Each structure stands twice: as C-alpha cells, then as structure tokens.
Amino acid sequence: MSKYIRYEKKLPPCNIDELMDLREVWSTSSNDQNDKSDEKFNILNKKVEKLEQQINDKKQENDDLKETLKNANESHDEIKTKLNSTIKVKKNIFL
C-alpha cells in the first residue's frame, strides 16, 4: 500500500476505513531497526560487562597465586638455608 501512496501519489481502490486502520498500526522500518539495534546494543553491553568482570576476577586470582608463590619461595629459601647449615654441621662432625 505504501508504494501507492509514496510513488504514485494516488490511493488504491479500497475502503478508506481500511487505510485508516492501516495507518494506525503502521510502523516505520527505521523505528523497528532502531529498536532492534538498541536491543542488540544492550545485549552486547551486558556481555561486555560480564567479560570485564571475568577479567577482573582472573586478575585477582592471578594476584592471589603470585602472592602464594612468593610465600612458597620464601619458605623454600628458609628451609634450604636451614638444611644447608645442618649439612655443614653434620660434615664437621664426621670430619
């Protein structure tokens, strides 16, 4: 129907009430596209927020693991130092 109105500038032979009904429910494609675009944009924003949260969680987990590794290395160094001094003492006893 819209092609008659837009291009030929004349109405098709039908009841004017039908045309009025059509006009009331008519929606432009740009409005529909905007609504769909907004919906897609919102969905993508939610996905981005979720991914950013996951990245932050992984960063925190990584920092926690680094701290655990640092503590383990410090403990290892302490144990190694004690063991080396015990070995030196034992060597001196046997020599």
PDB file of N, CA and C in Angstrom:
ATOM      1  N   MET A   1       0.799  -1.195   0.000  1.00  0.00           N
ATOM      2  CA  MET A   1       0.000   0.000   0.000  1.00  0.00           C
ATOM      3  C   MET A   1       0.842   1.259   0.000  1.00  0.00           C
ATOM      4  N   SER A   2       1.936   1.177   0.734  1.00  0.00           N
ATOM      5  CA  SER A   2       2.761   2.374   0.829  1.00  0.00           C
ATOM      6  C   SER A   2       3.327   2.781  -0.519  1.00  0.00           C
ATOM      7  N   LYS A   3       3.557   1.822  -1.414  1.00  0.00           N
ATOM      8  CA  LYS A   3       4.098   2.193  -2.719  1.00  0.00           C
ATOM      9  C   LYS A   3       3.107   3.050  -3.497  1.00  0.00           C
ATOM     10  N   TYR A   4       1.820   2.810  -3.319  1.00  0.00           N
ATOM     11  CA  TYR A   4       0.825   3.652  -3.999  1.00  0.00           C
ATOM     12  C   TYR A   4       0.882   5.076  -3.466  1.00  0.00           C
ATOM     13  N   ILE A   5       0.990   5.165  -2.183  1.00  0.00           N
ATOM     14  CA  ILE A   5       0.965   6.494  -1.568  1.00  0.00           C
ATOM     15  C   ILE A   5       2.265   7.234  -1.841  1.00  0.00           C
ATOM     16  N   ARG A   6       3.395   6.543  -1.752  1.00  0.00           N
ATOM     17  CA  ARG A   6       4.687   7.204  -1.902  1.00  0.00           C
ATOM     18  C   ARG A   6       5.024   7.520  -3.353  1.00  0.00           C
ATOM     19  N   TYR A   7       4.826   6.588  -4.235  1.00  0.00           N
ATOM     20  CA  TYR A   7       5.329   6.751  -5.596  1.00  0.00           C
ATOM     21  C   TYR A   7       4.279   7.210  -6.605  1.00  0.00           C
ATOM     22  N   GLU A   8       3.105   6.707  -6.481  1.00  0.00           N
ATOM     23  CA  GLU A   8       2.110   7.045  -7.480  1.00  0.00           C
ATOM     24  C   GLU A   8       1.205   8.187  -7.051  1.00  0.00           C
ATOM     25  N   LYS A   9       1.308   8.556  -5.794  1.00  0.00           N
ATOM     26  CA  LYS A   9       0.535   9.682  -5.250  1.00  0.00           C
ATOM     27  C   LYS A   9      -0.964   9.500  -5.429  1.00  0.00           C
ATOM     28  N   LYS A  10      -1.405   8.280  -5.462  1.00  0.00           N
ATOM     29  CA  LYS A  10      -2.843   8.040  -5.520  1.00  0.00           C
ATOM     30  C   LYS A  10      -3.151   6.814  -4.687  1.00  0.00           C
ATOM     31  N   LEU A  11      -4.310   6.745  -4.194  1.00  0.00           N
ATOM     32  CA  LEU A  11      -4.722   5.654  -3.320  1.00  0.00           C
ATOM     33  C   LEU A  11      -5.255   4.492  -4.145  1.00  0.00           C
ATOM     34  N   PRO A  12      -5.029   3.289  -3.684  1.00  0.00           N
ATOM     35  CA  PRO A  12      -5.587   2.143  -4.397  1.00  0.00           C
ATOM     36  C   PRO A  12      -7.099   2.093  -4.203  1.00  0.00           C
ATOM     37  N   PRO A  13      -7.777   1.424  -5.064  1.00  0.00           N
ATOM     38  CA  PRO A  13      -9.225   1.351  -4.917  1.00  0.00           C
ATOM     39  C   PRO A  13      -9.600   0.395  -3.779  1.00  0.00           C
ATOM     40  N   CYS A  14      -9.824   0.940  -2.616  1.00  0.00           N
ATOM     41  CA  CYS A  14     -10.283   0.155  -1.467  1.00  0.00           C
ATOM     42  C   CYS A  14     -11.003   1.082  -0.494  1.00  0.00           C
ATOM     43  N   ASN A  15     -11.442   0.522   0.549  1.00  0.00           N
ATOM     44  CA  ASN A  15     -12.196   1.261   1.540  1.00  0.00           C
ATOM     45  C   ASN A  15     -11.263   2.180   2.335  1.00  0.00           C
ATOM     46  N   ILE A  16     -11.687   3.417   2.539  1.00  0.00           N
ATOM     47  CA  ILE A  16     -10.864   4.380   3.281  1.00  0.00           C
ATOM     48  C   ILE A  16     -10.695   3.961   4.743  1.00  0.00           C
ATOM     49  N   ASP A  17     -11.651   3.237   5.280  1.00  0.00           N
ATOM     50  CA  ASP A  17     -11.534   2.759   6.669  1.00  0.00           C
ATOM     51  C   ASP A  17     -10.372   1.782   6.807  1.00  0.00           C
ATOM     52  N   GLU A  18     -10.174   0.972   5.806  1.00  0.00           N
ATOM     53  CA  GLU A  18      -9.050   0.042   5.842  1.00  0.00           C
ATOM     54  C   GLU A  18      -7.722   0.792   5.841  1.00  0.00           C
ATOM     55  N   LEU A  19      -7.688   1.857   5.071  1.00  0.00           N
ATOM     56  CA  LEU A  19      -6.470   2.666   5.043  1.00  0.00           C
ATOM     57  C   LEU A  19      -6.218   3.346   6.383  1.00  0.00           C
ATOM     58  N   MET A  20      -7.266   3.810   6.994  1.00  0.00           N
ATOM     59  CA  MET A  20      -7.121   4.452   8.297  1.00  0.00           C
ATOM     60  C   MET A  20      -6.658   3.428   9.348  1.00  0.00           C
ATOM     61  N   ASP A  21      -7.204   2.230   9.272  1.00  0.00           N
ATOM     62  CA  ASP A  21      -6.772   1.178  10.195  1.00  0.00           C
ATOM     63  C   ASP A  21      -5.296   0.859   9.983  1.00  0.00           C
ATOM     64  N   LEU A  22      -4.908   0.805   8.733  1.00  0.00           N
ATOM     65  CA  LEU A  22      -3.522   0.529   8.402  1.00  0.00           C
ATOM     66  C   LEU A  22      -2.607   1.627   8.948  1.00  0.00           C
ATOM     67  N   ARG A  23      -3.041   2.844   8.831  1.00  0.00           N
ATOM     68  CA  ARG A  23      -2.238   3.968   9.304  1.00  0.00           C
ATOM     69  C   ARG A  23      -2.012   3.891  10.807  1.00  0.00           C
ATOM     70  N   GLU A  24      -2.980   3.407  11.543  1.00  0.00           N
ATOM     71  CA  GLU A  24      -2.865   3.338  12.996  1.00  0.00           C
ATOM     72  C   GLU A  24      -1.844   2.290  13.441  1.00  0.00           C
ATOM     73  N   VAL A  25      -1.737   1.220  12.688  1.00  0.00           N
ATOM     74  CA  VAL A  25      -0.815   0.158  13.087  1.00  0.00           C
ATOM     75  C   VAL A  25       0.509   0.198  12.327  1.00  0.00           C
ATOM     76  N   TRP A  26       0.614   1.128  11.424  1.00  0.00           N
ATOM     77  CA  TRP A  26       1.803   1.210  10.596  1.00  0.00           C
ATOM     78  C   TRP A  26       3.001   1.615  11.447  1.00  0.00           C
ATOM     79  N   SER A  27       4.091   0.900  11.274  1.00  0.00           N
ATOM     80  CA  SER A  27       5.325   1.311  11.945  1.00  0.00           C
ATOM     81  C   SER A  27       6.406   1.406  10.885  1.00  0.00           C
ATOM     82  N   THR A  28       7.226   2.391  11.017  1.00  0.00           N
ATOM     83  CA  THR A  28       8.272   2.576  10.026  1.00  0.00           C
ATOM     84  C   THR A  28       9.394   1.588  10.281  1.00  0.00           C
ATOM     85  N   SER A  29      10.057   1.226   9.251  1.00  0.00           N
ATOM     86  CA  SER A  29      11.148   0.260   9.380  1.00  0.00           C
ATOM     87  C   SER A  29      12.305   0.854  10.181  1.00  0.00           C
ATOM     88  N   SER A  30      12.499   2.157  10.097  1.00  0.00           N
ATOM     89  CA  SER A  30      13.606   2.765  10.846  1.00  0.00           C
ATOM     90  C   SER A  30      13.372   2.658  12.344  1.00  0.00           C
ATOM     91  N   ASN A  31      12.123   2.808  12.787  1.00  0.00           N
ATOM     92  CA  ASN A  31      11.824   2.643  14.209  1.00  0.00           C
ATOM     93  C   ASN A  31      12.071   1.201  14.632  1.00  0.00           C
ATOM     94  N   ASP A  32      11.649   0.267  13.819  1.00  0.00           N
ATOM     95  CA  ASP A  32      11.873  -1.137  14.130  1.00  0.00           C
ATOM     96  C   ASP A  32      13.372  -1.443  14.169  1.00  0.00           C
ATOM     97  N   GLN A  33      14.094  -0.895  13.210  1.00  0.00           N
ATOM     98  CA  GLN A  33      15.534  -1.132  13.168  1.00  0.00           C
ATOM     99  C   GLN A  33      16.214  -0.497  14.372  1.00  0.00           C
ATOM    100  N   ASN A  34      15.772   0.681  14.760  1.00  0.00           N
ATOM    101  CA  ASN A  34      16.348   1.337  15.929  1.00  0.00           C
ATOM    102  C   ASN A  34      16.088   0.522  17.182  1.00  0.00           C
ATOM    103  N   ASP A  35      14.868   0.002  17.299  1.00  0.00           N
ATOM    104  CA  ASP A  35      14.539  -0.818  18.463  1.00  0.00           C
ATOM    105  C   ASP A  35      15.397  -2.075  18.493  1.00  0.00           C
ATOM    106  N   LYS A  36      15.557  -2.705  17.341  1.00  0.00           N
ATOM    107  CA  LYS A  36      16.379  -3.910  17.271  1.00  0.00           C
ATOM    108  C   LYS A  36      17.842  -3.587  17.556  1.00  0.00           C
ATOM    109  N   SER A  37      18.301  -2.452  17.029  1.00  0.00           N
ATOM    110  CA  SER A  37      19.683  -2.040  17.268  1.00  0.00           C
ATOM    111  C   SER A  37      19.907  -1.750  18.751  1.00  0.00           C
ATOM    112  N   ASP A  38      18.952  -1.069  19.375  1.00  0.00           N
ATOM    113  CA  ASP A  38      19.060  -0.786  20.803  1.00  0.00           C
ATOM    114  C   ASP A  38      19.082  -2.073  21.616  1.00  0.00           C
ATOM    115  N   GLU A  39      18.256  -3.008  21.234  1.00  0.00           N
ATOM    116  CA  GLU A  39      18.198  -4.284  21.937  1.00  0.00           C
ATOM    117  C   GLU A  39      19.529  -5.034  21.793  1.00  0.00           C
ATOM    118  N   LYS A  40      20.060  -5.067  20.571  1.00  0.00           N
ATOM    119  CA  LYS A  40      21.348  -5.721  20.342  1.00  0.00           C
ATOM    120  C   LYS A  40      22.461  -5.012  21.103  1.00  0.00           C
ATOM    121  N   PHE A  41      22.400  -3.688  21.106  1.00  0.00           N
ATOM    122  CA  PHE A  41      23.400  -2.900  21.822  1.00  0.00           C
ATOM    123  C   PHE A  41      23.367  -3.221  23.316  1.00  0.00           C
ATOM    124  N   ASN A  42      22.179  -3.311  23.885  1.00  0.00           N
ATOM    125  CA  ASN A  42      22.043  -3.635  25.307  1.00  0.00           C
ATOM    126  C   ASN A  42      22.561  -5.039  25.602  1.00  0.00           C
ATOM    127  N   ILE A  43      22.255  -5.974  24.732  1.00  0.00           N
ATOM    128  CA  ILE A  43      22.738  -7.346  24.919  1.00  0.00           C
ATOM    129  C   ILE A  43      24.265  -7.372  24.874  1.00  0.00           C
ATOM    130  N   LEU A  44      24.841  -6.668  23.901  1.00  0.00           N
ATOM    131  CA  LEU A  44      26.300  -6.634  23.783  1.00  0.00           C
ATOM    132  C   LEU A  44      26.935  -5.927  24.976  1.00  0.00           C
ATOM    133  N   ASN A  45      26.301  -4.879  25.466  1.00  0.00           N
ATOM    134  CA  ASN A  45      26.818  -4.189  26.654  1.00  0.00           C
ATOM    135  C   ASN A  45      26.842  -5.115  27.854  1.00  0.00           C
ATOM    136  N   LYS A  46      25.790  -5.918  28.015  1.00  0.00           N
ATOM    137  CA  LYS A  46      25.747  -6.864  29.131  1.00  0.00           C
ATOM    138  C   LYS A  46      26.858  -7.902  29.000  1.00  0.00           C
ATOM    139  N   LYS A  47      27.104  -8.352  27.759  1.00  0.00           N
ATOM    140  CA  LYS A  47      28.178  -9.317  27.538  1.00  0.00           C
ATOM    141  C   LYS A  47      29.537  -8.692  27.852  1.00  0.00           C
ATOM    142  N   VAL A  48      29.724  -7.450  27.452  1.00  0.00           N
ATOM    143  CA  VAL A  48      30.981  -6.750  27.730  1.00  0.00           C
ATOM    144  C   VAL A  48      31.181  -6.612  29.236  1.00  0.00           C
ATOM    145  N   GLU A  49      30.130  -6.237  29.954  1.00  0.00           N
ATOM    146  CA  GLU A  49      30.228  -6.105  31.411  1.00  0.00           C
ATOM    147  C   GLU A  49      30.580  -7.443  32.055  1.00  0.00           C
ATOM    148  N   LYS A  50      29.967  -8.506  31.565  1.00  0.00           N
ATOM    149  CA  LYS A  50      30.246  -9.838  32.103  1.00  0.00           C
ATOM    150  C   LYS A  50      31.704 -10.223  31.834  1.00  0.00           C
ATOM    151  N   LEU A  51      32.192  -9.951  30.624  1.00  0.00           N
ATOM    152  CA  LEU A  51      33.582 -10.266  30.286  1.00  0.00           C
ATOM    153  C   LEU A  51      34.559  -9.424  31.110  1.00  0.00           C
ATOM    154  N   GLU A  52      34.233  -8.152  31.331  1.00  0.00           N
ATOM    155  CA  GLU A  52      35.093  -7.303  32.152  1.00  0.00           C
ATOM    156  C   GLU A  52      35.156  -7.837  33.583  1.00  0.00           C
ATOM    157  N   GLN A  53      34.028  -8.295  34.102  1.00  0.00           N
ATOM    158  CA  GLN A  53      34.000  -8.866  35.446  1.00  0.00           C
ATOM    159  C   GLN A  53      34.845 -10.137  35.499  1.00  0.00           C
ATOM    160  N   GLN A  54      34.740 -10.969  34.470  1.00  0.00           N
ATOM    161  CA  GLN A  54      35.550 -12.187  34.426  1.00  0.00           C
ATOM    162  C   GLN A  54      37.037 -11.858  34.362  1.00  0.00           C
ATOM    163  N   ILE A  55      37.393 -10.829  33.601  1.00  0.00           N
ATOM    164  CA  ILE A  55      38.797 -10.401  33.519  1.00  0.00           C
ATOM    165  C   ILE A  55      39.284  -9.934  34.878  1.00  0.00           C
ATOM    166  N   ASN A  56      38.469  -9.133  35.563  1.00  0.00           N
ATOM    167  CA  ASN A  56      38.846  -8.651  36.888  1.00  0.00           C
ATOM    168  C   ASN A  56      38.991  -9.810  37.876  1.00  0.00           C
ATOM    169  N   ASP A  57      38.096 -10.784  37.791  1.00  0.00           N
ATOM    170  CA  ASP A  57      38.187 -11.957  38.661  1.00  0.00           C
ATOM    171  C   ASP A  57      39.475 -12.730  38.389  1.00  0.00           C
ATOM    172  N   LYS A  58      39.814 -12.897  37.109  1.00  0.00           N
ATOM    173  CA  LYS A  58      41.043 -13.607  36.747  1.00  0.00           C
ATOM    174  C   LYS A  58      42.279 -12.838  37.215  1.00  0.00           C
ATOM    175  N   LYS A  59      42.251 -11.513  37.120  1.00  0.00           N
ATOM    176  CA  LYS A  59      43.370 -10.702  37.592  1.00  0.00           C
ATOM    177  C   LYS A  59      43.554 -10.881  39.099  1.00  0.00           C
ATOM    178  N   GLN A  60      42.447 -10.880  39.835  1.00  0.00           N
ATOM    179  CA  GLN A  60      42.514 -11.068  41.278  1.00  0.00           C
ATOM    180  C   GLN A  60      43.043 -12.461  41.609  1.00  0.00           C
ATOM    181  N   GLU A  61      42.571 -13.457  40.888  1.00  0.00           N
ATOM    182  CA  GLU A  61      43.046 -14.822  41.094  1.00  0.00           C
ATOM    183  C   GLU A  61      44.539 -14.923  40.793  1.00  0.00           C
ATOM    184  N   ASN A  62      44.973 -14.252  39.733  1.00  0.00           N
ATOM    185  CA  ASN A  62      46.383 -14.231  39.361  1.00  0.00           C
ATOM    186  C   ASN A  62      47.221 -13.565  40.457  1.00  0.00           C
ATOM    187  N   ASP A  63      46.740 -12.451  40.982  1.00  0.00           N
ATOM    188  CA  ASP A  63      47.451 -11.765  42.063  1.00  0.00           C
ATOM    189  C   ASP A  63      47.545 -12.657  43.307  1.00  0.00           C
ATOM    190  N   ASP A  64      46.463 -13.370  43.610  1.00  0.00           N
ATOM    191  CA  ASP A  64      46.475 -14.281  44.758  1.00  0.00           C
ATOM    192  C   ASP A  64      47.491 -15.401  44.551  1.00  0.00           C
ATOM    193  N   LEU A  65      47.532 -15.950  43.333  1.00  0.00           N
ATOM    194  CA  LEU A  65      48.501 -17.007  43.040  1.00  0.00           C
ATOM    195  C   LEU A  65      49.940 -16.497  43.114  1.00  0.00           C
ATOM    196  N   LYS A  66      50.172 -15.272  42.667  1.00  0.00           N
ATOM    197  CA  LYS A  66      51.515 -14.686  42.757  1.00  0.00           C
ATOM    198  C   LYS A  66      51.937 -14.553  44.215  1.00  0.00           C
ATOM    199  N   GLU A  67      51.009 -14.111  45.067  1.00  0.00           N
ATOM    200  CA  GLU A  67      51.303 -13.967  46.494  1.00  0.00           C
ATOM    201  C   GLU A  67      51.594 -15.329  47.121  1.00  0.00           C
ATOM    202  N   THR A  68      50.826 -16.342  46.763  1.00  0.00           N
ATOM    203  CA  THR A  68      51.052 -17.699  47.275  1.00  0.00           C
ATOM    204  C   THR A  68      52.410 -18.217  46.832  1.00  0.00           C
ATOM    205  N   LEU A  69      52.765 -17.985  45.568  1.00  0.00           N
ATOM    206  CA  LEU A  69      54.055 -18.417  45.044  1.00  0.00           C
ATOM    207  C   LEU A  69      55.198 -17.697  45.756  1.00  0.00           C
ATOM    208  N   LYS A  70      55.030 -16.419  45.989  1.00  0.00           N
ATOM    209  CA  LYS A  70      56.053 -15.643  46.694  1.00  0.00           C
ATOM    210  C   LYS A  70      56.274 -16.214  48.095  1.00  0.00           C
ATOM    211  N   ASN A  71      55.173 -16.501  48.806  1.00  0.00           N
ATOM    212  CA  ASN A  71      55.282 -17.077  50.147  1.00  0.00           C
ATOM    213  C   ASN A  71      55.932 -18.455  50.105  1.00  0.00           C
ATOM    214  N   ALA A  72      55.583 -19.258  49.108  1.00  0.00           N
ATOM    215  CA  ALA A  72      56.173 -20.587  48.974  1.00  0.00           C
ATOM    216  C   ALA A  72      57.669 -20.488  48.699  1.00  0.00           C
ATOM    217  N   ASN A  73      58.080 -19.544  47.867  1.00  0.00           N
ATOM    218  CA  ASN A  73      59.508 -19.354  47.582  1.00  0.00           C
ATOM    219  C   ASN A  73      60.262 -18.912  48.823  1.00  0.00           C
ATOM    220  N   GLU A  74      59.648 -18.037  49.615  1.00  0.00           N
ATOM    221  CA  GLU A  74      60.283 -17.597  50.860  1.00  0.00           C
ATOM    222  C   GLU A  74      60.441 -18.775  51.822  1.00  0.00           C
ATOM    223  N   SER A  75      59.424 -19.598  51.932  1.00  0.00           N
ATOM    224  CA  SER A  75      59.508 -20.784  52.789  1.00  0.00           C
ATOM    225  C   SER A  75      60.573 -21.742  52.278  1.00  0.00           C
ATOM    226  N   HIS A  76      60.630 -21.912  50.972  1.00  0.00           N
ATOM    227  CA  HIS A  76      61.639 -22.785  50.363  1.00  0.00           C
ATOM    228  C   HIS A  76      63.038 -22.287  50.692  1.00  0.00           C
ATOM    229  N   ASP A  77      63.241 -20.972  50.561  1.00  0.00           N
ATOM    230  CA  ASP A  77      64.563 -20.411  50.857  1.00  0.00           C
ATOM    231  C   ASP A  77      64.940 -20.614  52.325  1.00  0.00           C
ATOM    232  N   GLU A  78      63.986 -20.443  53.214  1.00  0.00           N
ATOM    233  CA  GLU A  78      64.252 -20.648  54.648  1.00  0.00           C
ATOM    234  C   GLU A  78      64.623 -22.106  54.923  1.00  0.00           C
ATOM    235  N   ILE A  79      63.860 -23.027  54.359  1.00  0.00           N
ATOM    236  CA  ILE A  79      64.130 -24.456  54.556  1.00  0.00           C
ATOM    237  C   ILE A  79      65.483 -24.825  53.964  1.00  0.00           C
ATOM    238  N   LYS A  80      65.800 -24.278  52.793  1.00  0.00           N
ATOM    239  CA  LYS A  80      67.077 -24.562  52.135  1.00  0.00           C
ATOM    240  C   LYS A  80      68.238 -24.060  52.994  1.00  0.00           C
ATOM    241  N   THR A  81      68.090 -22.861  53.537  1.00  0.00           N
ATOM    242  CA  THR A  81      69.141 -22.296  54.393  1.00  0.00           C
ATOM    243  C   THR A  81      69.346 -23.162  55.637  1.00  0.00           C
ATOM    244  N   LYS A  82      68.266 -23.574  56.289  1.00  0.00           N
ATOM    245  CA  LYS A  82      68.370 -24.427  57.480  1.00  0.00           C
ATOM    246  C   LYS A  82      69.000 -25.769  57.138  1.00  0.00           C
ATOM    247  N   LEU A  83      68.592 -26.329  56.016  1.00  0.00           N
ATOM    248  CA  LEU A  83      69.131 -27.622  55.597  1.00  0.00           C
ATOM    249  C   LEU A  83      70.624 -27.528  55.303  1.00  0.00           C
ATOM    250  N   ASN A  84      71.035 -26.461  54.619  1.00  0.00           N
ATOM    251  CA  ASN A  84      72.457 -26.277  54.315  1.00  0.00           C
ATOM    252  C   ASN A  84      73.282 -26.131  55.585  1.00  0.00           C
ATOM    253  N   SER A  85      72.759 -25.384  56.551  1.00  0.00           N
ATOM    254  CA  SER A  85      73.516 -25.237  57.798  1.00  0.00           C
ATOM    255  C   SER A  85      73.555 -26.550  58.571  1.00  0.00           C
ATOM    256  N   THR A  86      72.500 -27.332  58.513  1.00  0.00           N
ATOM    257  CA  THR A  86      72.504 -28.643  59.178  1.00  0.00           C
ATOM    258  C   THR A  86      73.513 -29.566  58.502  1.00  0.00           C
ATOM    259  N   ILE A  87      73.582 -29.516  57.172  1.00  0.00           N
ATOM    260  CA  ILE A  87      74.537 -30.342  56.425  1.00  0.00           C
ATOM    261  C   ILE A  87      75.967 -29.953  56.792  1.00  0.00           C
ATOM    262  N   LYS A  88      76.246 -28.659  56.914  1.00  0.00           N
ATOM    263  CA  LYS A  88      77.585 -28.199  57.276  1.00  0.00           C
ATOM    264  C   LYS A  88      77.970 -28.706  58.661  1.00  0.00           C
ATOM    265  N   VAL A  89      77.004 -28.637  59.588  1.00  0.00           N
ATOM    266  CA  VAL A  89      77.276 -29.105  60.946  1.00  0.00           C
ATOM    267  C   VAL A  89      77.565 -30.598  60.936  1.00  0.00           C
ATOM    268  N   LYS A  90      76.795 -31.361  60.203  1.00  0.00           N
ATOM    269  CA  LYS A  90      76.984 -32.814  60.141  1.00  0.00           C
ATOM    270  C   LYS A  90      78.333 -33.152  59.475  1.00  0.00           C
ATOM    271  N   LYS A  91      78.721 -32.392  58.456  1.00  0.00           N
ATOM    272  CA  LYS A  91      80.004 -32.635  57.795  1.00  0.00           C
ATOM    273  C   LYS A  91      81.154 -32.402  58.768  1.00  0.00           C
ATOM    274  N   ASN A  92      81.036 -31.351  59.564  1.00  0.00           N
ATOM    275  CA  ASN A  92      82.083 -31.017  60.529  1.00  0.00           C
ATOM    276  C   ASN A  92      82.191 -32.097  61.601  1.00  0.00           C
ATOM    277  N   ILE A  93      81.085 -32.707  61.954  1.00  0.00           N
ATOM    278  CA  ILE A  93      81.099 -33.753  62.967  1.00  0.00           C
ATOM    279  C   ILE A  93      81.818 -34.984  62.426  1.00  0.00           C
ATOM    280  N   PHE A  94      81.573 -35.333  61.190  1.00  0.00           N
ATOM    281  CA  PHE A  94      82.178 -36.536  60.604  1.00  0.00           C
ATOM    282  C   PHE A  94      83.610 -36.316  60.168  1.00  0.00           C
ATOM    283  N   LEU A  95      84.046 -35.113  60.020  1.00  0.00           N
ATOM    284  CA  LEU A  95      85.432 -34.861  59.586  1.00  0.00           C
ATOM    285  C   LEU A  95      86.292 -34.735  60.771  1.00  0.00           C
TER     286      LEU A  95
END
